[in-house]
Amino acid sequence: MDIVASGARYRVIDDFLPPNELVEIRSLMKRRRFEEVPSVIYPETDGHAFRSRGAVLRQDTEAPTAESREQNAQPTAFRTILRELGAHQDMFGAPGEDWSAVGFSFWQYPAGSRLGWHNDVATGRLGEFVFFLHEEWKASWAGELVILDADPETVDVDTTGMSAMEAVEAKASLASHALTAVVPKPNRLVLVQEGTIHCINRVDRTAGTTLRQTMTGFVAGAAPAAAQRSVDRLTSFLGSD
């Protein structure tokens, strides 16, 4: 596990999971059902992606839930993810104090799809993570996670009359900062601070049937209801990267 790149608002970690835990997460993803969903940014031009049911990891996850036992999914990799998020308190705050749950879902982007510029701002979110799960990726297949590594409030752009999405793209287009493109390398984890402007470049047609696959989610301050345990549905936590 190595931090190979970092900026003011993001961090890239390669070789994140050991082989056994990576197999575990990929196996869990393969058993999930996926639903084809239109882009929430620019549905006319972004194309469609496929999303699994959302789930939540509580910060105090210690043992398999009934659901995970039923799916033969042990929580070892989940605990590894939670520990890593907790190790970056400068980005997300202290686990158990500033945040108590991490929501996630699995995403698959086919050739021809992308996700336009956005910033994932929502009440209670402290940041997000994107973990690349496909087994192979070539740089020519594109699909990069592109990040504007700057506080959006410091980008001085006249957004009068623009929609929220148009304003975000205008800031990405006109900011003096250079954009950072993160190649979706397998077993690469990307941590992103809340409110960061980013997008997914279109997956090139040369990817063929290979899907850009991620486990994507959000660090959040609000815990699930007391009756819910380690892994539960919570659709408000769904990610899109």
Protein backbone atom coordinates (compact mmCIF):
# COMPACT_ATOMS: atom_id res chain seq x y z
CA MET A 1 0.00 0.00 0.00
CA ASP A 2 1.56 3.29 -1.13
CA ILE A 3 0.38 6.91 -1.36
CA VAL A 4 1.50 7.65 -4.92
CA ALA A 5 -0.06 11.09 -5.36
CA SER A 6 -1.68 13.73 -3.20
CA GLY A 7 -2.87 17.29 -3.38
CA ALA A 8 -4.76 19.78 -1.29
CA ARG A 9 -8.06 17.93 -1.76
CA TYR A 10 -7.27 14.35 -2.83
CA ARG A 11 -5.02 11.37 -2.12
CA VAL A 12 -4.21 8.34 -4.33
CA ILE A 13 -3.22 5.00 -2.76
CA ASP A 14 -2.01 2.10 -4.91
CA ASP A 15 -2.00 -1.63 -4.12
CA PHE A 16 -4.56 -0.83 -1.45
CA LEU A 17 -5.93 -4.26 -0.53
CA PRO A 18 -3.91 -7.45 -0.11
CA PRO A 19 -4.80 -10.12 -2.70
CA ASN A 20 -7.19 -12.09 -0.46
CA GLU A 21 -9.22 -9.01 0.48
CA LEU A 22 -9.30 -7.78 -3.12
CA VAL A 23 -10.71 -11.14 -4.21
CA GLU A 24 -13.27 -10.84 -1.42
CA ILE A 25 -14.53 -7.43 -2.55
CA ARG A 26 -14.61 -8.41 -6.22
CA SER A 27 -16.57 -11.54 -5.33
CA LEU A 28 -19.08 -9.47 -3.37
CA MET A 29 -19.46 -7.07 -6.29
CA LYS A 30 -20.09 -9.92 -8.72
CA ARG A 31 -22.92 -11.23 -6.55
CA ARG A 32 -24.67 -7.88 -6.45
CA ARG A 33 -27.53 -7.02 -8.76
CA PHE A 34 -27.01 -3.95 -10.92
CA GLU A 35 -29.56 -1.51 -12.26
CA GLU A 36 -28.99 0.61 -15.34
CA VAL A 37 -29.30 4.27 -14.36
CA PRO A 38 -29.06 7.51 -16.36
CA SER A 39 -26.53 10.15 -15.39
CA VAL A 40 -27.70 12.58 -12.72
CA ILE A 41 -25.51 15.30 -14.28
CA TYR A 42 -26.10 15.37 -18.06
CA PRO A 43 -28.32 12.37 -18.93
CA GLU A 44 -28.54 13.36 -22.60
CA THR A 45 -24.78 13.24 -23.17
CA ASP A 46 -23.20 11.31 -20.29
CA GLY A 47 -24.90 8.03 -21.08
CA HIS A 48 -25.88 5.27 -18.67
CA ALA A 49 -24.04 3.47 -15.89
CA PHE A 50 -24.95 0.48 -13.73
CA ARG A 51 -25.38 0.78 -9.97
CA SER A 52 -25.77 -1.81 -7.25
CA ARG A 53 -27.96 -1.46 -4.19
CA GLY A 54 -26.53 0.97 -1.65
CA ALA A 55 -25.13 -0.19 1.67
CA VAL A 56 -23.60 1.29 4.81
CA LEU A 57 -20.58 0.40 6.91
CA ARG A 58 -20.79 1.60 10.47
CA GLN A 59 -17.57 2.98 11.87
CA ASP A 60 -17.73 0.38 14.66
CA THR A 61 -18.05 -2.60 12.26
CA GLU A 62 -16.58 -5.65 13.99
CA ALA A 63 -18.49 -8.77 12.96
CA PRO A 64 -20.35 -10.13 9.94
CA THR A 65 -24.00 -9.14 9.68
CA ALA A 66 -26.74 -11.59 8.77
CA GLU A 67 -26.67 -10.20 5.24
CA SER A 68 -22.92 -10.61 4.83
CA ARG A 69 -22.97 -14.15 6.27
CA GLU A 70 -25.75 -15.04 3.88
CA GLN A 71 -23.62 -13.77 0.98
CA ASN A 72 -20.50 -15.49 2.36
CA ALA A 73 -18.85 -12.06 2.55
CA GLN A 74 -16.58 -11.59 5.54
CA PRO A 75 -15.97 -7.99 6.63
CA THR A 76 -12.16 -8.05 6.59
CA ALA A 77 -11.86 -5.74 3.58
CA PHE A 78 -14.55 -3.48 4.99
CA ARG A 79 -12.56 -3.00 8.16
CA THR A 80 -9.47 -2.25 6.08
CA ILE A 81 -11.36 0.47 4.23
CA LEU A 82 -12.71 1.96 7.46
CA ARG A 83 -9.27 1.96 9.06
CA GLU A 84 -7.77 3.73 6.06
CA LEU A 85 -10.47 6.40 6.04
CA GLY A 86 -9.91 6.90 9.76
CA ALA A 87 -6.19 7.39 9.17
CA HIS A 88 -6.84 10.54 7.10
CA GLN A 89 -8.29 12.78 9.78
CA ASP A 90 -6.98 15.88 8.03
CA MET A 91 -9.45 15.11 5.24
CA PHE A 92 -12.42 13.50 6.98
CA GLY A 93 -12.08 14.19 10.69
CA ALA A 94 -11.92 11.71 13.55
CA PRO A 95 -13.83 8.40 13.28
CA GLY A 96 -16.43 8.05 16.00
CA GLU A 97 -16.43 11.81 16.57
CA ASP A 98 -16.76 13.59 13.24
CA TRP A 99 -18.12 10.63 11.30
CA SER A 100 -19.80 7.36 12.14
CA ALA A 101 -20.79 5.72 8.86
CA VAL A 102 -19.56 5.14 5.33
CA GLY A 103 -22.10 4.55 2.60
CA PHE A 104 -21.20 2.84 -0.64
CA SER A 105 -22.43 1.15 -3.76
CA PHE A 106 -20.75 -0.58 -6.69
CA TRP A 107 -20.71 1.15 -10.05
CA GLN A 108 -19.99 -0.05 -13.58
CA TYR A 109 -19.33 2.31 -16.49
CA PRO A 110 -19.39 0.76 -19.99
CA ALA A 111 -17.60 2.07 -23.07
CA GLY A 112 -19.14 5.34 -24.22
CA SER A 113 -20.29 6.52 -20.78
CA ARG A 114 -18.97 9.34 -18.62
CA LEU A 115 -20.10 11.53 -15.71
CA GLY A 116 -20.05 15.31 -16.10
CA TRP A 117 -18.51 17.86 -13.75
CA HIS A 118 -20.01 17.85 -10.24
CA ASN A 119 -19.02 18.24 -6.60
CA ASP A 120 -21.19 15.75 -4.65
CA VAL A 121 -22.17 18.33 -2.04
CA ALA A 122 -24.79 17.01 0.40
CA THR A 123 -25.69 17.56 4.03
CA GLY A 124 -23.60 15.45 6.39
CA ARG A 125 -20.98 14.36 3.85
CA LEU A 126 -17.34 14.88 4.78
CA GLY A 127 -15.75 13.35 1.72
CA GLU A 128 -15.76 10.36 -0.56
CA PHE A 129 -13.68 7.46 -1.79
CA VAL A 130 -13.38 5.71 -5.15
CA PHE A 131 -11.88 2.22 -5.22
CA PHE A 132 -11.17 0.69 -8.65
CA LEU A 133 -12.12 -2.98 -8.84
CA HIS A 134 -11.81 -4.05 -12.49
CA GLU A 135 -9.03 -6.56 -13.07
CA GLU A 136 -7.41 -4.76 -16.02
CA TRP A 137 -7.29 -1.20 -17.30
CA LYS A 138 -5.31 0.38 -20.12
CA ALA A 139 -4.62 4.10 -20.14
CA SER A 140 -5.99 4.33 -23.68
CA TRP A 141 -9.38 3.24 -22.36
CA ALA A 142 -9.66 6.63 -20.60
CA GLY A 143 -12.36 6.79 -17.86
CA GLU A 144 -10.06 8.87 -15.65
CA LEU A 145 -11.29 10.50 -12.48
CA VAL A 146 -10.45 14.16 -13.16
CA ILE A 147 -10.10 16.47 -10.14
CA LEU A 148 -9.89 20.24 -9.74
CA ASP A 149 -7.51 20.37 -6.79
CA ALA A 150 -8.70 23.72 -5.48
CA ASP A 151 -11.24 25.03 -3.01
CA PRO A 152 -14.25 25.82 -5.22
CA GLU A 153 -14.91 28.96 -3.16
CA THR A 154 -11.56 30.41 -4.27
CA VAL A 155 -12.28 30.00 -7.99
CA ASP A 156 -13.54 33.43 -9.05
CA VAL A 157 -16.05 32.88 -11.85
CA ASP A 158 -19.20 34.83 -12.63
CA THR A 159 -21.90 32.15 -12.42
CA THR A 160 -24.86 34.51 -12.72
CA GLY A 161 -27.78 32.80 -14.44
CA MET A 162 -26.11 29.38 -14.43
CA SER A 163 -27.56 26.19 -13.02
CA ALA A 164 -25.61 24.49 -10.21
CA MET A 165 -24.06 22.02 -12.66
CA GLU A 166 -23.20 24.73 -15.17
CA ALA A 167 -21.53 26.75 -12.41
CA VAL A 168 -19.42 23.76 -11.36
CA GLU A 169 -18.28 23.13 -14.93
CA ALA A 170 -17.52 26.82 -15.44
CA LYS A 171 -15.20 26.74 -12.42
CA ALA A 172 -13.45 23.64 -13.75
CA SER A 173 -13.11 25.27 -17.17
CA LEU A 174 -11.82 28.66 -16.03
CA ALA A 175 -9.81 27.91 -12.89
CA SER A 176 -6.11 28.78 -13.00
CA HIS A 177 -5.29 25.40 -11.42
CA ALA A 178 -4.24 22.50 -13.64
CA LEU A 179 -6.62 19.55 -13.60
CA THR A 180 -5.46 16.20 -12.19
CA ALA A 181 -6.38 13.04 -14.12
CA VAL A 182 -6.29 9.83 -12.08
CA VAL A 183 -6.09 6.71 -14.25
CA PRO A 184 -8.47 3.98 -12.96
CA LYS A 185 -5.70 1.53 -12.14
CA PRO A 186 -6.93 -1.73 -10.52
CA ASN A 187 -6.68 -1.83 -6.69
CA ARG A 188 -6.22 1.94 -6.57
CA LEU A 189 -8.03 3.90 -3.86
CA VAL A 190 -8.73 7.61 -4.28
CA LEU A 191 -9.77 9.77 -1.33
CA VAL A 192 -11.50 13.07 -2.11
CA GLN A 193 -12.39 15.90 0.23
CA GLU A 194 -16.01 17.03 0.43
CA GLY A 195 -17.10 19.55 -2.21
CA THR A 196 -14.21 18.88 -4.60
CA ILE A 197 -15.09 19.48 -8.24
CA HIS A 198 -14.50 16.40 -10.37
CA CYS A 199 -15.78 14.32 -13.28
CA ILE A 200 -15.33 10.94 -14.97
CA ASN A 201 -13.87 11.08 -18.47
CA ARG A 202 -15.74 9.10 -21.08
CA VAL A 203 -14.71 5.45 -21.30
CA ASP A 204 -13.23 4.94 -24.75
CA ARG A 205 -14.87 2.54 -27.18
CA THR A 206 -11.62 0.54 -27.35
CA ALA A 207 -12.42 -0.75 -23.85
CA GLY A 208 -14.88 -3.03 -25.61
CA THR A 209 -16.82 -5.08 -23.06
CA THR A 210 -14.50 -4.18 -20.18
CA LEU A 211 -16.38 -2.21 -17.55
CA ARG A 212 -14.94 0.55 -15.37
CA GLN A 213 -15.85 -0.93 -11.98
CA THR A 214 -15.69 0.86 -8.65
CA MET A 215 -16.76 0.71 -5.06
CA THR A 216 -17.72 4.31 -4.39
CA GLY A 217 -19.08 5.94 -1.30
CA PHE A 218 -19.22 8.76 1.20
CA VAL A 219 -17.96 9.41 4.69
CA ALA A 220 -20.83 10.87 6.69
CA GLY A 221 -21.55 12.17 10.15
CA ALA A 222 -24.99 10.66 10.56
CA ALA A 223 -25.21 7.06 11.80
CA PRO A 224 -27.93 4.67 10.62
CA ALA A 225 -30.85 3.96 12.91
CA ALA A 226 -30.03 2.01 16.08
CA ALA A 227 -31.73 -1.10 14.75
CA GLN A 228 -29.40 -1.21 11.73
CA ARG A 229 -25.95 -2.76 12.02
CA SER A 230 -22.74 -3.01 10.03
CA VAL A 231 -24.07 -3.26 6.48
CA ASP A 232 -27.51 -1.87 5.61
CA ARG A 233 -29.29 -0.01 2.86
CA LEU A 234 -29.13 3.76 2.98
CA THR A 235 -29.80 5.24 -0.41
CA SER A 236 -28.77 8.77 0.56
CA PHE A 237 -25.16 7.55 0.68
CA LEU A 238 -25.02 6.37 -2.93
CA GLY A 239 -21.96 7.49 -4.85
CA SER A 240 -21.52 7.88 -8.60
CA ASP A 241 -17.78 7.70 -9.38
